[in-house]
Amino acid sequence: MPKGVEVEVKGKVVKVRGALGSLTRDFSRHLVEIAREGESVVVTSRLKGKRGRALVNTIASHIENMMTGVNKGFTYRLKVVYAHFPISVKVEGDRVVVENFRGEKRRRVAKVLEGVKLRVEGEDIIVSGIDIEAVSQTAANIELATRARGYDPRVFMDGIYVYKKEVGLLE
C-alpha cells in the first residue's frame, strides 16, 4: 500500500481512504477472499487454474486503481476535432452538451458520472476524478455522443476523441 492510503476490508467490501477522498467497492459477487495482512491486501480465489488467477489479478488491479485514485487521481484529455462546422461543447450540470456537430440542429448530450470534474479549455475537454471507472466512462460517453454512424471514419474525422490518459489530477 502506498503511504497516506488507508485500506479497510470488511468481508468482500473494500474501502480505501486517501488525501483526495475515499472509494468503496463491493466484490461480493466474485468467488474471492479479500484480507488485509500488515501493509498489504491479499486476494485469493476459490477457483482453480487460469480462471482463478485471472479473477485474482483483476480484483487486485481494481484495488490498486482505487489506491492510486485516492492518492493521485486520474485525468483524461479529449480533443474536439472538426473540419467545416465548429463544434460547440458546454457543461450543463451533470451533462455535456455538444452543439453544431457536422452542422446538425439537434444537440447531442453525454452524461457526466458522479464524482467527476469536467473542464472545457478551447479545443480540449479535461475529465478528472478519483474513480478511474467513472472518469473513463464519462470520457467514453462524450466520445460516443459524437460517434459518426454510417460515415467513413478515414474521411469524416469530426468528433471528440480521447488522446491522453494521465495519473494525477490537474487543477
Protein backbone atom coordinates (compact mmCIF):
# COMPACT_ATOMS: atom_id res chain seq x y z
CA MET A 1 0.00 0.00 0.00
CA PRO A 2 1.30 3.49 -0.77
CA LYS A 3 1.93 5.95 2.04
CA GLY A 4 -1.05 8.05 3.04
CA VAL A 5 -3.60 5.42 1.99
CA GLU A 6 -5.80 3.51 4.45
CA VAL A 7 -7.49 0.29 3.36
CA GLU A 8 -10.34 -1.23 5.33
CA VAL A 9 -11.65 -4.70 4.42
CA LYS A 10 -14.97 -5.97 5.80
CA GLY A 11 -15.83 -9.30 4.22
CA LYS A 12 -15.74 -8.56 0.50
CA VAL A 13 -16.25 -4.80 0.80
CA VAL A 14 -13.08 -2.76 0.37
CA LYS A 15 -12.94 0.88 1.49
CA VAL A 16 -9.90 2.97 0.54
CA ARG A 17 -9.22 6.42 2.01
CA GLY A 18 -6.54 8.87 0.94
CA ALA A 19 -5.67 12.53 0.55
CA LEU A 20 -8.19 13.15 -2.27
CA GLY A 21 -11.16 11.26 -0.82
CA SER A 22 -12.47 7.75 -0.31
CA LEU A 23 -13.78 4.95 -2.52
CA THR A 24 -15.82 1.90 -1.57
CA ARG A 25 -16.30 -1.18 -3.70
CA ASP A 26 -18.22 -4.40 -3.08
CA PHE A 27 -16.69 -7.59 -4.53
CA SER A 28 -19.31 -9.95 -3.05
CA ARG A 29 -20.40 -11.21 -6.48
CA HIS A 30 -16.99 -12.79 -7.07
CA LEU A 31 -15.59 -16.07 -5.74
CA VAL A 32 -12.67 -14.48 -3.89
CA GLU A 33 -11.49 -13.87 -0.37
CA ILE A 34 -10.01 -10.46 0.47
CA ALA A 35 -7.96 -9.86 3.60
CA ARG A 36 -5.59 -7.24 4.90
CA GLU A 37 -2.28 -8.60 6.17
CA GLY A 38 0.08 -5.98 7.53
CA GLU A 39 0.75 -3.34 4.87
CA SER A 40 -0.76 -5.34 2.00
CA VAL A 41 -4.12 -6.57 0.75
CA VAL A 42 -4.28 -10.28 -0.11
CA VAL A 43 -6.76 -11.57 -2.69
CA THR A 44 -7.29 -15.33 -3.01
CA SER A 45 -9.68 -17.20 -5.25
CA ARG A 46 -11.81 -20.27 -4.67
CA LEU A 47 -11.47 -21.09 -8.38
CA LYS A 48 -8.54 -23.15 -9.65
CA GLY A 49 -6.30 -22.66 -12.66
CA LYS A 50 -6.32 -19.83 -15.19
CA ARG A 51 -9.77 -18.52 -14.30
CA GLY A 52 -8.85 -18.22 -10.63
CA ARG A 53 -5.59 -16.39 -11.41
CA ALA A 54 -7.36 -14.08 -13.86
CA LEU A 55 -10.02 -13.23 -11.27
CA VAL A 56 -7.42 -12.56 -8.55
CA ASN A 57 -5.37 -10.31 -10.86
CA THR A 58 -8.46 -8.40 -11.99
CA ILE A 59 -9.65 -7.68 -8.46
CA ALA A 60 -6.12 -6.81 -7.33
CA SER A 61 -5.93 -4.31 -10.22
CA HIS A 62 -9.24 -2.76 -9.17
CA ILE A 63 -7.95 -2.32 -5.61
CA GLU A 64 -4.65 -0.86 -6.90
CA ASN A 65 -6.61 1.60 -9.07
CA MET A 66 -8.65 2.60 -6.02
CA MET A 67 -5.43 3.26 -4.07
CA THR A 68 -3.92 5.27 -6.93
CA GLY A 69 -7.16 7.24 -7.33
CA VAL A 70 -7.45 8.36 -3.71
CA ASN A 71 -3.72 9.19 -3.63
CA LYS A 72 -3.13 10.84 -7.04
CA GLY A 73 -6.34 10.78 -9.13
CA PHE A 74 -6.89 10.23 -12.86
CA THR A 75 -7.19 12.65 -15.79
CA TYR A 76 -8.38 12.00 -19.34
CA ARG A 77 -7.90 14.59 -22.08
CA LEU A 78 -10.22 14.72 -25.08
CA LYS A 79 -9.74 16.74 -28.27
CA VAL A 80 -12.56 18.32 -30.27
CA VAL A 81 -11.89 17.66 -33.98
CA TYR A 82 -13.87 19.24 -36.83
CA ALA A 83 -13.30 20.19 -40.46
CA HIS A 84 -16.11 22.55 -41.53
CA PHE A 85 -18.64 23.14 -38.79
CA PRO A 86 -17.16 24.37 -35.50
CA ILE A 87 -18.35 22.12 -32.66
CA SER A 88 -19.58 23.85 -29.50
CA VAL A 89 -19.15 22.00 -26.18
CA LYS A 90 -20.82 23.15 -22.94
CA VAL A 91 -21.13 21.67 -19.46
CA GLU A 92 -24.65 21.94 -18.02
CA GLY A 93 -24.82 20.37 -14.56
CA ASP A 94 -24.28 16.63 -14.91
CA ARG A 95 -24.39 16.70 -18.72
CA VAL A 96 -22.11 17.68 -21.57
CA VAL A 97 -23.95 19.29 -24.48
CA VAL A 98 -22.41 19.15 -27.96
CA GLU A 99 -23.92 21.56 -30.49
CA ASN A 100 -23.41 22.08 -34.23
CA PHE A 101 -21.85 18.64 -34.72
CA ARG A 102 -21.49 18.32 -38.52
CA GLY A 103 -23.98 21.21 -38.83
CA GLU A 104 -26.80 19.31 -37.12
CA LYS A 105 -29.57 21.30 -35.46
CA ARG A 106 -30.11 18.86 -32.61
CA ARG A 107 -27.95 18.85 -29.51
CA ARG A 108 -26.04 15.74 -28.55
CA VAL A 109 -25.90 15.03 -24.81
CA ALA A 110 -23.44 12.94 -22.78
CA LYS A 111 -23.87 12.02 -19.11
CA VAL A 112 -21.21 13.00 -16.56
CA LEU A 113 -20.99 10.45 -13.74
CA GLU A 114 -20.94 11.39 -10.06
CA GLY A 115 -17.58 12.44 -8.64
CA VAL A 116 -16.12 13.52 -11.99
CA LYS A 117 -14.91 17.07 -12.67
CA LEU A 118 -15.02 18.41 -16.20
CA ARG A 119 -13.41 21.46 -17.82
CA VAL A 120 -13.57 22.76 -21.37
CA GLU A 121 -10.46 24.68 -22.45
CA GLY A 122 -10.72 25.73 -26.09
CA GLU A 123 -10.43 22.55 -28.18
CA ASP A 124 -9.67 20.35 -25.14
CA ILE A 125 -12.02 18.71 -22.66
CA ILE A 126 -10.37 17.64 -19.39
CA VAL A 127 -12.11 14.92 -17.36
CA SER A 128 -10.68 14.17 -13.90
CA GLY A 129 -11.59 12.37 -10.69
CA ILE A 130 -10.51 9.74 -8.19
CA ASP A 131 -12.57 6.81 -9.55
CA ILE A 132 -10.96 5.56 -12.78
CA GLU A 133 -14.15 3.79 -13.86
CA ALA A 134 -16.28 6.93 -13.54
CA VAL A 135 -13.66 9.07 -15.31
CA SER A 136 -13.21 6.63 -18.19
CA GLN A 137 -16.97 6.05 -18.57
CA THR A 138 -17.61 9.80 -18.70
CA ALA A 139 -14.92 10.16 -21.38
CA ALA A 140 -16.49 7.27 -23.30
CA ASN A 141 -19.95 8.87 -23.02
CA ILE A 142 -18.61 12.10 -24.53
CA GLU A 143 -16.83 10.20 -27.29
CA LEU A 144 -19.95 8.16 -28.10
CA ALA A 145 -22.15 11.26 -28.23
CA THR A 146 -20.25 12.35 -31.35
CA ARG A 147 -19.91 8.96 -32.98
CA ALA A 148 -20.31 9.15 -36.75
CA ARG A 149 -22.54 6.28 -37.79
CA GLY A 150 -22.69 5.49 -41.47
CA TYR A 151 -19.69 7.64 -42.42
CA ASP A 152 -16.23 6.53 -43.44
CA PRO A 153 -14.05 7.41 -40.38
CA ARG A 154 -10.99 7.88 -42.61
CA VAL A 155 -12.70 10.76 -44.39
CA PHE A 156 -15.13 12.19 -41.81
CA MET A 157 -13.00 12.58 -38.68
CA ASP A 158 -15.28 15.07 -36.92
CA GLY A 159 -15.87 14.16 -33.29
CA ILE A 160 -14.42 14.22 -29.80
CA TYR A 161 -11.64 11.75 -29.06
CA VAL A 162 -9.55 10.72 -26.03
CA TYR A 163 -5.92 11.50 -26.76
CA LYS A 164 -4.22 11.29 -23.37
CA LYS A 165 -4.73 9.36 -20.12
CA GLU A 166 -2.79 10.54 -17.08
CA VAL A 167 -2.34 9.60 -13.44
CA GLY A 168 -2.76 12.71 -11.32
CA LEU A 169 -5.34 15.46 -11.05
CA LEU A 170 -4.79 18.69 -12.94
CA GLU A 171 -6.03 21.70 -11.01
